[in-house]
Amino acid sequence: MVARQQGEAPRLFAEELKAVLDKLRSSADAARQRYSGDGDATVWRLLMPKTRHHVYYQRDELADVATVLLVANAISETGPAL
């Protein structure tokens, strides 16, 4: 495991979240996983692998809009109730 310099962890979360948001803006979210729902109510999630968080969101394909619902720890035994 590579040792991280002090102060790098807060930047890591922000950088990883920015990368996921950039994917959502450009519709490059092919690695997404279906979390719940069907049709328009489908909730998707993308993993932030370094910080081990999931970004939960919904996408309106017609309006080309993604709405982030929650960012949550991916390690918990149960997922959030969305």
PDB file of N, CA and C in Angstrom:
ATOM      1  N   MET A   1       0.839  -1.184   0.000  1.00  0.00           N
ATOM      2  CA  MET A   1       0.000   0.000   0.000  1.00  0.00           C
ATOM      3  C   MET A   1       0.885   1.248   0.000  1.00  0.00           C
ATOM      4  N   VAL A   2       0.550   2.214  -0.802  1.00  0.00           N
ATOM      5  CA  VAL A   2       1.317   3.441  -0.908  1.00  0.00           C
ATOM      6  C   VAL A   2       0.866   4.416   0.173  1.00  0.00           C
ATOM      7  N   ALA A   3       1.808   4.954   0.913  1.00  0.00           N
ATOM      8  CA  ALA A   3       1.472   5.933   1.956  1.00  0.00           C
ATOM      9  C   ALA A   3       1.057   7.239   1.301  1.00  0.00           C
ATOM     10  N   ARG A   4       0.011   7.840   1.825  1.00  0.00           N
ATOM     11  CA  ARG A   4      -0.481   9.119   1.299  1.00  0.00           C
ATOM     12  C   ARG A   4       0.039  10.259   2.168  1.00  0.00           C
ATOM     13  N   GLN A   5       0.336  11.369   1.544  1.00  0.00           N
ATOM     14  CA  GLN A   5       0.778  12.534   2.294  1.00  0.00           C
ATOM     15  C   GLN A   5      -0.388  13.100   3.078  1.00  0.00           C
ATOM     16  N   GLN A   6      -0.097  13.688   4.211  1.00  0.00           N
ATOM     17  CA  GLN A   6      -1.131  14.285   5.039  1.00  0.00           C
ATOM     18  C   GLN A   6      -1.865  15.360   4.239  1.00  0.00           C
ATOM     19  N   GLY A   7      -3.190  15.357   4.335  1.00  0.00           N
ATOM     20  CA  GLY A   7      -3.996  16.335   3.624  1.00  0.00           C
ATOM     21  C   GLY A   7      -4.449  15.881   2.244  1.00  0.00           C
ATOM     22  N   GLU A   8      -3.951  14.757   1.786  1.00  0.00           N
ATOM     23  CA  GLU A   8      -4.326  14.272   0.453  1.00  0.00           C
ATOM     24  C   GLU A   8      -5.725  13.657   0.437  1.00  0.00           C
ATOM     25  N   ALA A   9      -6.149  13.041   1.530  1.00  0.00           N
ATOM     26  CA  ALA A   9      -7.442  12.355   1.569  1.00  0.00           C
ATOM     27  C   ALA A   9      -8.619  13.280   1.273  1.00  0.00           C
ATOM     28  N   PRO A  10      -8.712  14.466   1.874  1.00  0.00           N
ATOM     29  CA  PRO A  10      -9.848  15.339   1.531  1.00  0.00           C
ATOM     30  C   PRO A  10      -9.864  15.718   0.053  1.00  0.00           C
ATOM     31  N   ARG A  11      -8.733  15.940  -0.520  1.00  0.00           N
ATOM     32  CA  ARG A  11      -8.663  16.254  -1.951  1.00  0.00           C
ATOM     33  C   ARG A  11      -9.053  15.051  -2.790  1.00  0.00           C
ATOM     34  N   LEU A  12      -8.689  13.864  -2.334  1.00  0.00           N
ATOM     35  CA  LEU A  12      -9.012  12.649  -3.063  1.00  0.00           C
ATOM     36  C   LEU A  12     -10.519  12.489  -3.218  1.00  0.00           C
ATOM     37  N   PHE A  13     -11.272  12.690  -2.130  1.00  0.00           N
ATOM     38  CA  PHE A  13     -12.728  12.583  -2.202  1.00  0.00           C
ATOM     39  C   PHE A  13     -13.282  13.592  -3.206  1.00  0.00           C
ATOM     40  N   ALA A  14     -12.853  14.844  -3.101  1.00  0.00           N
ATOM     41  CA  ALA A  14     -13.346  15.898  -4.001  1.00  0.00           C
ATOM     42  C   ALA A  14     -12.986  15.592  -5.456  1.00  0.00           C
ATOM     43  N   GLU A  15     -11.769  15.116  -5.683  1.00  0.00           N
ATOM     44  CA  GLU A  15     -11.342  14.806  -7.054  1.00  0.00           C
ATOM     45  C   GLU A  15     -12.120  13.625  -7.633  1.00  0.00           C
ATOM     46  N   GLU A  16     -12.346  12.619  -6.793  1.00  0.00           N
ATOM     47  CA  GLU A  16     -13.067  11.450  -7.277  1.00  0.00           C
ATOM     48  C   GLU A  16     -14.538  11.783  -7.541  1.00  0.00           C
ATOM     49  N   LEU A  17     -15.131  12.591  -6.677  1.00  0.00           N
ATOM     50  CA  LEU A  17     -16.511  13.023  -6.895  1.00  0.00           C
ATOM     51  C   LEU A  17     -16.607  13.860  -8.167  1.00  0.00           C
ATOM     52  N   LYS A  18     -15.654  14.742  -8.388  1.00  0.00           N
ATOM     53  CA  LYS A  18     -15.647  15.552  -9.605  1.00  0.00           C
ATOM     54  C   LYS A  18     -15.567  14.664 -10.844  1.00  0.00           C
ATOM     55  N   ALA A  19     -14.768  13.605 -10.786  1.00  0.00           N
ATOM     56  CA  ALA A  19     -14.643  12.698 -11.924  1.00  0.00           C
ATOM     57  C   ALA A  19     -15.974  12.008 -12.227  1.00  0.00           C
ATOM     58  N   VAL A  20     -16.699  11.604 -11.182  1.00  0.00           N
ATOM     59  CA  VAL A  20     -18.012  10.973 -11.391  1.00  0.00           C
ATOM     60  C   VAL A  20     -18.989  11.987 -11.971  1.00  0.00           C
ATOM     61  N   LEU A  21     -18.990  13.189 -11.442  1.00  0.00           N
ATOM     62  CA  LEU A  21     -19.898  14.226 -11.957  1.00  0.00           C
ATOM     63  C   LEU A  21     -19.582  14.555 -13.412  1.00  0.00           C
ATOM     64  N   ASP A  22     -18.308  14.572 -13.768  1.00  0.00           N
ATOM     65  CA  ASP A  22     -17.918  14.785 -15.167  1.00  0.00           C
ATOM     66  C   ASP A  22     -18.463  13.671 -16.057  1.00  0.00           C
ATOM     67  N   LYS A  23     -18.418  12.420 -15.560  1.00  0.00           N
ATOM     68  CA  LYS A  23     -18.984  11.298 -16.317  1.00  0.00           C
ATOM     69  C   LYS A  23     -20.480  11.495 -16.532  1.00  0.00           C
ATOM     70  N   LEU A  24     -21.159  11.935 -15.482  1.00  0.00           N
ATOM     71  CA  LEU A  24     -22.606  12.144 -15.603  1.00  0.00           C
ATOM     72  C   LEU A  24     -22.914  13.264 -16.592  1.00  0.00           C
ATOM     73  N   ARG A  25     -22.141  14.332 -16.549  1.00  0.00           N
ATOM     74  CA  ARG A  25     -22.362  15.454 -17.476  1.00  0.00           C
ATOM     75  C   ARG A  25     -22.175  15.038 -18.925  1.00  0.00           C
ATOM     76  N   SER A  26     -21.239  14.132 -19.170  1.00  0.00           N
ATOM     77  CA  SER A  26     -20.944  13.727 -20.541  1.00  0.00           C
ATOM     78  C   SER A  26     -21.635  12.423 -20.939  1.00  0.00           C
ATOM     79  N   SER A  27     -22.527  11.940 -20.072  1.00  0.00           N
ATOM     80  CA  SER A  27     -23.244  10.676 -20.311  1.00  0.00           C
ATOM     81  C   SER A  27     -22.279   9.505 -20.514  1.00  0.00           C
ATOM     82  N   ALA A  28     -21.125   9.558 -19.864  1.00  0.00           N
ATOM     83  CA  ALA A  28     -20.121   8.492 -19.959  1.00  0.00           C
ATOM     84  C   ALA A  28     -20.202   7.581 -18.738  1.00  0.00           C
ATOM     85  N   ASP A  29     -21.420   7.253 -18.349  1.00  0.00           N
ATOM     86  CA  ASP A  29     -21.632   6.466 -17.126  1.00  0.00           C
ATOM     87  C   ASP A  29     -21.917   4.998 -17.435  1.00  0.00           C
ATOM     88  N   ALA A  30     -21.215   4.440 -18.417  1.00  0.00           N
ATOM     89  CA  ALA A  30     -21.456   3.055 -18.834  1.00  0.00           C
ATOM     90  C   ALA A  30     -21.176   2.043 -17.726  1.00  0.00           C
ATOM     91  N   ALA A  31     -20.348   2.395 -16.760  1.00  0.00           N
ATOM     92  CA  ALA A  31     -20.018   1.477 -15.663  1.00  0.00           C
ATOM     93  C   ALA A  31     -21.072   1.484 -14.558  1.00  0.00           C
ATOM     94  N   ARG A  32     -22.167   2.200 -14.771  1.00  0.00           N
ATOM     95  CA  ARG A  32     -23.200   2.311 -13.741  1.00  0.00           C
ATOM     96  C   ARG A  32     -23.849   0.964 -13.462  1.00  0.00           C
ATOM     97  N   GLN A  33     -24.417   0.866 -12.268  1.00  0.00           N
ATOM     98  CA  GLN A  33     -25.162  -0.319 -11.876  1.00  0.00           C
ATOM     99  C   GLN A  33     -26.576   0.106 -11.510  1.00  0.00           C
ATOM    100  N   ARG A  34     -27.556  -0.713 -11.900  1.00  0.00           N
ATOM    101  CA  ARG A  34     -28.938  -0.431 -11.500  1.00  0.00           C
ATOM    102  C   ARG A  34     -29.043  -0.699 -10.009  1.00  0.00           C
ATOM    103  N   TYR A  35     -29.564   0.281  -9.269  1.00  0.00           N
ATOM    104  CA  TYR A  35     -29.740   0.104  -7.829  1.00  0.00           C
ATOM    105  C   TYR A  35     -31.171  -0.290  -7.500  1.00  0.00           C
ATOM    106  N   SER A  36     -32.125   0.434  -8.061  1.00  0.00           N
ATOM    107  CA  SER A  36     -33.535   0.102  -7.825  1.00  0.00           C
ATOM    108  C   SER A  36     -34.410   0.751  -8.875  1.00  0.00           C
ATOM    109  N   GLY A  37     -35.655   0.275  -8.943  1.00  0.00           N
ATOM    110  CA  GLY A  37     -36.654   0.898  -9.798  1.00  0.00           C
ATOM    111  C   GLY A  37     -36.650   0.407 -11.224  1.00  0.00           C
ATOM    112  N   ASP A  38     -37.626   0.928 -11.960  1.00  0.00           N
ATOM    113  CA  ASP A  38     -37.791   0.612 -13.375  1.00  0.00           C
ATOM    114  C   ASP A  38     -38.167   1.889 -14.119  1.00  0.00           C
ATOM    115  N   GLY A  39     -37.879   1.919 -15.395  1.00  0.00           N
ATOM    116  CA  GLY A  39     -38.294   3.046 -16.224  1.00  0.00           C
ATOM    117  C   GLY A  39     -37.747   4.372 -15.732  1.00  0.00           C
ATOM    118  N   ASP A  40     -38.624   5.370 -15.634  1.00  0.00           N
ATOM    119  CA  ASP A  40     -38.210   6.710 -15.223  1.00  0.00           C
ATOM    120  C   ASP A  40     -37.757   6.773 -13.775  1.00  0.00           C
ATOM    121  N   ALA A  41     -38.186   5.819 -12.946  1.00  0.00           N
ATOM    122  CA  ALA A  41     -37.854   5.854 -11.524  1.00  0.00           C
ATOM    123  C   ALA A  41     -36.582   5.070 -11.197  1.00  0.00           C
ATOM    124  N   THR A  42     -35.836   4.640 -12.196  1.00  0.00           N
ATOM    125  CA  THR A  42     -34.635   3.857 -11.955  1.00  0.00           C
ATOM    126  C   THR A  42     -33.582   4.696 -11.241  1.00  0.00           C
ATOM    127  N   VAL A  43     -33.010   4.127 -10.183  1.00  0.00           N
ATOM    128  CA  VAL A  43     -31.891   4.742  -9.484  1.00  0.00           C
ATOM    129  C   VAL A  43     -30.642   3.964  -9.869  1.00  0.00           C
ATOM    130  N   TRP A  44     -29.643   4.689 -10.311  1.00  0.00           N
ATOM    131  CA  TRP A  44     -28.370   4.112 -10.721  1.00  0.00           C
ATOM    132  C   TRP A  44     -27.308   4.469  -9.695  1.00  0.00           C
ATOM    133  N   ARG A  45     -26.189   3.732  -9.716  1.00  0.00           N
ATOM    134  CA  ARG A  45     -25.083   4.109  -8.853  1.00  0.00           C
ATOM    135  C   ARG A  45     -23.773   3.897  -9.589  1.00  0.00           C
ATOM    136  N   LEU A  46     -22.813   4.740  -9.251  1.00  0.00           N
ATOM    137  CA  LEU A  46     -21.445   4.622  -9.736  1.00  0.00           C
ATOM    138  C   LEU A  46     -20.520   4.578  -8.526  1.00  0.00           C
ATOM    139  N   LEU A  47     -19.508   3.761  -8.609  1.00  0.00           N
ATOM    140  CA  LEU A  47     -18.565   3.610  -7.511  1.00  0.00           C
ATOM    141  C   LEU A  47     -17.416   4.598  -7.639  1.00  0.00           C
ATOM    142  N   MET A  48     -17.067   5.200  -6.516  1.00  0.00           N
ATOM    143  CA  MET A  48     -15.838   5.985  -6.395  1.00  0.00           C
ATOM    144  C   MET A  48     -14.844   5.026  -5.722  1.00  0.00           C
ATOM    145  N   PRO A  49     -14.031   4.297  -6.503  1.00  0.00           N
ATOM    146  CA  PRO A  49     -13.274   3.164  -5.963  1.00  0.00           C
ATOM    147  C   PRO A  49     -12.218   3.497  -4.915  1.00  0.00           C
ATOM    148  N   LYS A  50     -11.573   4.635  -5.033  1.00  0.00           N
ATOM    149  CA  LYS A  50     -10.503   4.953  -4.074  1.00  0.00           C
ATOM    150  C   LYS A  50     -11.056   5.327  -2.705  1.00  0.00           C
ATOM    151  N   THR A  51     -12.163   6.059  -2.689  1.00  0.00           N
ATOM    152  CA  THR A  51     -12.748   6.469  -1.411  1.00  0.00           C
ATOM    153  C   THR A  51     -13.859   5.532  -0.960  1.00  0.00           C
ATOM    154  N   ARG A  52     -14.223   4.575  -1.801  1.00  0.00           N
ATOM    155  CA  ARG A  52     -15.215   3.545  -1.509  1.00  0.00           C
ATOM    156  C   ARG A  52     -16.580   4.146  -1.145  1.00  0.00           C
ATOM    157  N   HIS A  53     -17.054   4.991  -2.038  1.00  0.00           N
ATOM    158  CA  HIS A  53     -18.386   5.589  -1.926  1.00  0.00           C
ATOM    159  C   HIS A  53     -19.144   5.318  -3.218  1.00  0.00           C
ATOM    160  N   HIS A  54     -20.457   5.254  -3.107  1.00  0.00           N
ATOM    161  CA  HIS A  54     -21.325   5.177  -4.279  1.00  0.00           C
ATOM    162  C   HIS A  54     -22.016   6.516  -4.470  1.00  0.00           C
ATOM    163  N   VAL A  55     -22.162   6.911  -5.716  1.00  0.00           N
ATOM    164  CA  VAL A  55     -22.964   8.081  -6.071  1.00  0.00           C
ATOM    165  C   VAL A  55     -24.256   7.524  -6.665  1.00  0.00           C
ATOM    166  N   TYR A  56     -25.372   7.812  -5.991  1.00  0.00           N
ATOM    167  CA  TYR A  56     -26.697   7.352  -6.430  1.00  0.00           C
ATOM    168  C   TYR A  56     -27.356   8.489  -7.200  1.00  0.00           C
ATOM    169  N   TYR A  57     -27.949   8.161  -8.343  1.00  0.00           N
ATOM    170  CA  TYR A  57     -28.530   9.208  -9.179  1.00  0.00           C
ATOM    171  C   TYR A  57     -29.623   8.647 -10.064  1.00  0.00           C
ATOM    172  N   GLN A  58     -30.392   9.559 -10.631  1.00  0.00           N
ATOM    173  CA  GLN A  58     -31.387   9.220 -11.642  1.00  0.00           C
ATOM    174  C   GLN A  58     -31.043  10.004 -12.897  1.00  0.00           C
ATOM    175  N   ARG A  59     -31.363   9.418 -14.045  1.00  0.00           N
ATOM    176  CA  ARG A  59     -31.083  10.077 -15.316  1.00  0.00           C
ATOM    177  C   ARG A  59     -32.372  10.197 -16.113  1.00  0.00           C
ATOM    178  N   ASP A  60     -32.631  11.408 -16.599  1.00  0.00           N
ATOM    179  CA  ASP A  60     -33.741  11.664 -17.514  1.00  0.00           C
ATOM    180  C   ASP A  60     -33.121  11.727 -18.904  1.00  0.00           C
ATOM    181  N   GLU A  61     -33.256  10.633 -19.641  1.00  0.00           N
ATOM    182  CA  GLU A  61     -32.623  10.532 -20.962  1.00  0.00           C
ATOM    183  C   GLU A  61     -33.177  11.556 -21.951  1.00  0.00           C
ATOM    184  N   LEU A  62     -34.472  11.835 -21.877  1.00  0.00           N
ATOM    185  CA  LEU A  62     -35.074  12.785 -22.812  1.00  0.00           C
ATOM    186  C   LEU A  62     -34.550  14.199 -22.594  1.00  0.00           C
ATOM    187  N   ALA A  63     -34.430  14.603 -21.345  1.00  0.00           N
ATOM    188  CA  ALA A  63     -33.936  15.947 -21.037  1.00  0.00           C
ATOM    189  C   ALA A  63     -32.413  15.976 -20.942  1.00  0.00           C
ATOM    190  N   ASP A  64     -31.769  14.801 -21.011  1.00  0.00           N
ATOM    191  CA  ASP A  64     -30.317  14.676 -20.865  1.00  0.00           C
ATOM    192  C   ASP A  64     -29.847  15.330 -19.568  1.00  0.00           C
ATOM    193  N   VAL A  65     -30.512  14.927 -18.470  1.00  0.00           N
ATOM    194  CA  VAL A  65     -30.208  15.472 -17.147  1.00  0.00           C
ATOM    195  C   VAL A  65     -30.007  14.328 -16.170  1.00  0.00           C
ATOM    196  N   ALA A  66     -28.976  14.436 -15.347  1.00  0.00           N
ATOM    197  CA  ALA A  66     -28.759  13.478 -14.257  1.00  0.00           C
ATOM    198  C   ALA A  66     -28.910  14.231 -12.944  1.00  0.00           C
ATOM    199  N   THR A  67     -29.628  13.623 -11.999  1.00  0.00           N
ATOM    200  CA  THR A  67     -29.837  14.222 -10.690  1.00  0.00           C
ATOM    201  C   THR A  67     -29.199  13.330  -9.636  1.00  0.00           C
ATOM    202  N   VAL A  68     -28.200  13.854  -8.934  1.00  0.00           N
ATOM    203  CA  VAL A  68     -27.552  13.102  -7.857  1.00  0.00           C
ATOM    204  C   VAL A  68     -28.470  13.124  -6.653  1.00  0.00           C
ATOM    205  N   LEU A  69     -28.754  11.930  -6.126  1.00  0.00           N
ATOM    206  CA  LEU A  69     -29.634  11.788  -4.973  1.00  0.00           C
ATOM    207  C   LEU A  69     -28.859  11.675  -3.673  1.00  0.00           C
ATOM    208  N   LEU A  70     -27.703  11.009  -3.726  1.00  0.00           N
ATOM    209  CA  LEU A  70     -26.983  10.701  -2.492  1.00  0.00           C
ATOM    210  C   LEU A  70     -25.584  10.214  -2.817  1.00  0.00           C
ATOM    211  N   VAL A  71     -24.634  10.547  -1.954  1.00  0.00           N
ATOM    212  CA  VAL A  71     -23.304   9.948  -1.980  1.00  0.00           C
ATOM    213  C   VAL A  71     -23.171   9.237  -0.645  1.00  0.00           C
ATOM    214  N   ALA A  72     -22.923   7.909  -0.681  1.00  0.00           N
ATOM    215  CA  ALA A  72     -22.909   7.128   0.550  1.00  0.00           C
ATOM    216  C   ALA A  72     -21.771   6.117   0.539  1.00  0.00           C
ATOM    217  N   ASN A  73     -21.360   5.731   1.729  1.00  0.00           N
ATOM    218  CA  ASN A  73     -20.320   4.742   1.920  1.00  0.00           C
ATOM    219  C   ASN A  73     -20.717   3.440   1.231  1.00  0.00           C
ATOM    220  N   ALA A  74     -19.817   2.885   0.440  1.00  0.00           N
ATOM    221  CA  ALA A  74     -20.119   1.659  -0.294  1.00  0.00           C
ATOM    222  C   ALA A  74     -19.851   0.409   0.529  1.00  0.00           C
ATOM    223  N   ILE A  75     -19.300   0.565   1.707  1.00  0.00           N
ATOM    224  CA  ILE A  75     -18.915  -0.591   2.514  1.00  0.00           C
ATOM    225  C   ILE A  75     -20.045  -1.096   3.395  1.00  0.00           C
ATOM    226  N   SER A  76     -21.046  -0.284   3.649  1.00  0.00           N
ATOM    227  CA  SER A  76     -22.125  -0.691   4.552  1.00  0.00           C
ATOM    228  C   SER A  76     -22.818  -1.953   4.047  1.00  0.00           C
ATOM    229  N   GLU A  77     -23.372  -2.711   4.972  1.00  0.00           N
ATOM    230  CA  GLU A  77     -23.994  -3.994   4.617  1.00  0.00           C
ATOM    231  C   GLU A  77     -25.283  -3.822   3.821  1.00  0.00           C
ATOM    232  N   THR A  78     -26.003  -2.752   4.054  1.00  0.00           N
ATOM    233  CA  THR A  78     -27.235  -2.503   3.317  1.00  0.00           C
ATOM    234  C   THR A  78     -27.152  -1.136   2.638  1.00  0.00           C
ATOM    235  N   GLY A  79     -27.772  -1.040   1.498  1.00  0.00           N
ATOM    236  CA  GLY A  79     -27.782   0.213   0.781  1.00  0.00           C
ATOM    237  C   GLY A  79     -28.846   1.151   1.325  1.00  0.00           C
ATOM    238  N   PRO A  80     -28.811   2.398   0.904  1.00  0.00           N
ATOM    239  CA  PRO A  80     -29.793   3.377   1.377  1.00  0.00           C
ATOM    240  C   PRO A  80     -31.179   3.093   0.823  1.00  0.00           C
ATOM    241  N   ALA A  81     -32.180   3.541   1.545  1.00  0.00           N
ATOM    242  CA  ALA A  81     -33.561   3.435   1.080  1.00  0.00           C
ATOM    243  C   ALA A  81     -33.865   4.659   0.228  1.00  0.00           C
ATOM    244  N   LEU A  82     -33.909   4.456  -1.070  1.00  0.00           N
ATOM    245  CA  LEU A  82     -34.170   5.585  -1.987  1.00  0.00           C
ATOM    246  C   LEU A  82     -35.483   5.372  -2.695  1.00  0.00           C
TER     247      LEU A  82
END
